[in-house]
Protein backbone atom coordinates (compact mmCIF):
# COMPACT_ATOMS: atom_id res chain seq x y z
CA MET A 1 6.73 9.30 11.48
CA THR A 2 3.17 8.79 10.25
CA PRO A 3 0.46 6.53 11.73
CA ALA A 4 0.88 4.29 8.65
CA VAL A 5 4.58 3.73 9.37
CA ARG A 6 3.88 3.12 13.06
CA ALA A 7 1.21 0.53 12.15
CA LEU A 8 3.70 -1.35 9.98
CA GLN A 9 6.39 -1.24 12.65
CA ARG A 10 3.99 -2.49 15.35
CA ALA A 11 2.92 -5.37 13.07
CA GLY A 12 6.51 -6.32 12.29
CA ILE A 13 5.89 -6.02 8.53
CA ASP A 14 8.80 -5.85 6.07
CA PHE A 15 8.49 -2.54 4.21
CA GLU A 16 10.53 0.19 2.58
CA LEU A 17 9.96 3.94 2.70
CA LEU A 18 10.44 5.95 -0.49
CA GLU A 19 10.52 9.74 -0.22
CA TYR A 20 10.43 12.39 -2.90
CA ALA A 21 9.95 16.14 -3.11
CA HIS A 22 6.23 16.59 -3.77
CA ASP A 23 5.39 19.27 -6.34
CA PRO A 24 2.26 21.14 -5.15
CA ALA A 25 1.42 21.84 -8.81
CA ALA A 26 1.32 18.13 -9.69
CA PRO A 27 -2.21 17.31 -10.89
CA ALA A 28 -2.29 13.69 -9.69
CA TYR A 29 -0.45 12.50 -6.58
CA GLY A 30 -0.12 8.82 -7.44
CA GLU A 31 1.06 9.45 -10.97
CA GLU A 32 3.59 11.92 -9.59
CA ALA A 33 4.95 9.29 -7.19
CA ALA A 34 5.27 6.71 -9.98
CA ARG A 35 7.04 9.17 -12.27
CA VAL A 36 9.41 10.72 -9.72
CA LEU A 37 10.32 7.40 -8.09
CA ASP A 38 10.53 5.62 -11.47
CA LEU A 39 8.00 2.96 -10.45
CA ALA A 40 5.69 0.96 -12.70
CA PRO A 41 2.27 2.70 -12.56
CA GLN A 42 0.65 -0.74 -12.16
CA SER A 43 2.49 -1.16 -8.83
CA VAL A 44 1.56 2.23 -7.34
CA PHE A 45 -1.91 2.15 -5.77
CA LYS A 46 -3.98 5.21 -4.98
CA THR A 47 -6.16 5.19 -1.88
CA LEU A 48 -9.68 6.39 -2.59
CA LEU A 49 -12.73 6.68 -0.37
CA ALA A 50 -16.26 6.09 -1.56
CA SER A 51 -19.70 6.13 -0.01
CA ILE A 52 -21.78 2.98 -0.45
CA ASP A 53 -25.52 3.60 -0.79
CA GLY A 54 -25.03 6.94 1.00
CA LYS A 55 -24.61 5.08 4.29
CA ARG A 56 -20.99 4.06 4.85
CA LEU A 57 -17.52 4.89 3.68
CA VAL A 58 -15.16 2.30 2.24
CA VAL A 59 -11.55 2.41 1.10
CA ALA A 60 -10.62 1.35 -2.44
CA LEU A 61 -7.07 0.80 -3.67
CA VAL A 62 -6.48 0.80 -7.42
CA PRO A 63 -3.37 1.21 -9.57
CA VAL A 64 -2.63 4.79 -10.62
CA ALA A 65 -2.46 3.44 -14.19
CA GLY A 66 -6.24 2.98 -14.10
CA SER A 67 -9.36 4.28 -12.41
CA LEU A 68 -11.89 3.05 -9.89
CA ASP A 69 -14.95 1.24 -11.26
CA LEU A 70 -17.64 2.50 -8.87
CA LYS A 71 -20.18 -0.14 -9.93
CA ALA A 72 -17.68 -2.93 -9.29
CA LEU A 73 -16.81 -1.41 -5.90
CA ALA A 74 -20.50 -1.22 -4.94
CA ARG A 75 -20.92 -4.91 -5.85
CA ALA A 76 -17.78 -5.89 -3.91
CA ALA A 77 -19.03 -3.96 -0.88
CA GLY A 78 -22.48 -5.55 -1.04
CA GLY A 79 -24.22 -2.34 -2.05
CA LYS A 80 -26.13 -0.96 -4.99
CA LYS A 81 -24.36 2.34 -5.61
CA ALA A 82 -20.97 3.86 -4.84
CA VAL A 83 -20.00 7.51 -5.21
CA MET A 84 -16.69 9.15 -4.42
CA ALA A 85 -16.55 10.61 -0.92
CA ASP A 86 -15.91 14.33 -0.70
CA ALA A 87 -12.44 15.37 0.38
CA ALA A 88 -13.50 16.66 3.79
CA ALA A 89 -15.25 13.38 4.68
CA ALA A 90 -12.23 11.39 3.50
CA GLU A 91 -9.87 13.49 5.60
CA ARG A 92 -12.10 13.26 8.71
CA ALA A 93 -12.45 9.49 8.44
CA THR A 94 -8.78 8.76 7.79
CA GLY A 95 -6.91 11.50 9.64
CA TYR A 96 -4.85 12.15 6.49
CA VAL A 97 -4.93 14.93 3.91
CA VAL A 98 -6.00 14.23 0.35
CA GLY A 99 -2.96 13.24 -1.66
CA GLY A 100 -1.44 11.61 1.40
CA ILE A 101 -4.21 9.23 2.45
CA SER A 102 -2.71 5.90 3.39
CA PRO A 103 -4.74 2.70 3.71
CA LEU A 104 -2.76 2.05 6.90
CA GLY A 105 -3.12 3.72 10.30
CA GLN A 106 -6.43 5.43 9.55
CA LYS A 107 -8.45 7.02 12.36
CA GLN A 108 -11.49 4.85 11.59
CA ARG A 109 -11.38 1.20 10.57
CA LEU A 110 -13.18 1.14 7.23
CA ALA A 111 -13.93 -1.81 4.98
CA THR A 112 -11.10 -1.93 2.44
CA PHE A 113 -11.01 -3.32 -1.10
CA ILE A 114 -7.83 -3.82 -3.11
CA ASP A 115 -7.96 -4.31 -6.86
CA ALA A 116 -7.31 -7.97 -7.70
CA SER A 117 -4.35 -6.97 -9.91
CA ALA A 118 -2.33 -6.61 -6.69
CA GLU A 119 -2.14 -10.41 -6.42
CA SER A 120 0.26 -10.59 -9.36
CA LEU A 121 2.76 -8.19 -7.75
CA SER A 122 5.63 -9.09 -5.46
CA ARG A 123 5.55 -5.56 -3.98
CA LEU A 124 3.21 -2.65 -4.35
CA HIS A 125 3.39 0.98 -3.31
CA VAL A 126 0.86 2.97 -1.29
CA SER A 127 0.90 6.38 0.33
CA GLY A 128 2.87 6.56 3.53
CA GLY A 129 0.50 9.07 5.10
CA ARG A 130 1.77 12.32 3.64
CA ARG A 131 2.44 13.75 0.24
CA GLY A 132 5.89 12.71 -0.95
CA LEU A 133 6.06 9.48 1.06
CA GLU A 134 5.39 6.03 -0.40
CA ILE A 135 5.53 2.64 1.28
CA ALA A 136 6.65 -0.48 -0.59
CA LEU A 137 5.34 -3.74 0.84
CA GLY A 138 3.97 -7.12 -0.13
CA PRO A 139 0.33 -7.22 -1.24
CA ALA A 140 -0.49 -10.04 1.19
CA ASP A 141 0.90 -7.96 4.09
CA LEU A 142 -1.21 -4.97 3.05
CA GLN A 143 -4.28 -7.15 2.71
CA ARG A 144 -3.75 -8.75 6.11
CA LEU A 145 -3.06 -5.48 7.93
CA THR A 146 -6.08 -3.68 6.45
CA GLU A 147 -8.31 -6.79 6.53
CA ALA A 148 -9.00 -6.01 2.87
CA LYS A 149 -10.86 -8.02 0.29
CA LEU A 150 -9.40 -8.46 -3.18
CA ALA A 151 -11.86 -7.64 -5.96
CA PRO A 152 -11.72 -6.53 -9.60
CA ILE A 153 -12.51 -2.86 -8.92
CA ALA A 154 -10.19 -1.07 -11.38
CA ARG A 155 -10.71 -0.03 -14.99
CA GLY A 156 -7.99 0.53 -17.53
C-alpha cells in the first residue's frame, strides 16, 4: 500500500486501483499506463514537478496526451519562470520515484496545479505511487485532497 492509497482511504474518497505490469523499457510512464490499461490519454494525468523562479517546487498535472506549458504554469503559480525540476529533487520532495510520482501522499505539501481540462472528466487517472499502479478518481476529489488550483497549463 502506497502513501497515495492511504491518503485516499483516510479521506474516505471513492477511488479504484488499476494495476499493470510495468515495462522498464517503456519510454514514457503515463503513455504506457494509458496504452496498457486501454484508457483515453486525455484522462491519464502525469505528475510533474517544476521550480518556480528557482525558489520553490510546485506540482503540475497534465494529460499524457499533451505536455506542460511552463510559461502558463509560472503564471498560474504567480511567478515569472518555471523550469522542470531535476529527478533527484522531485524524488526527495515527494518520496516517490520518477515514473511513480503521485500527486497524493507526498512527503512535502507543495502547491499543486491541475490542467483545466480535468473539469470536463467524470474520472481521471493519476499515478498510485509506484510504477504500474494507477488511481481512478473524480477530478473534484483530487482537487480537494491536493488543495490544487485548476489552470490551463497543458499544450496539445
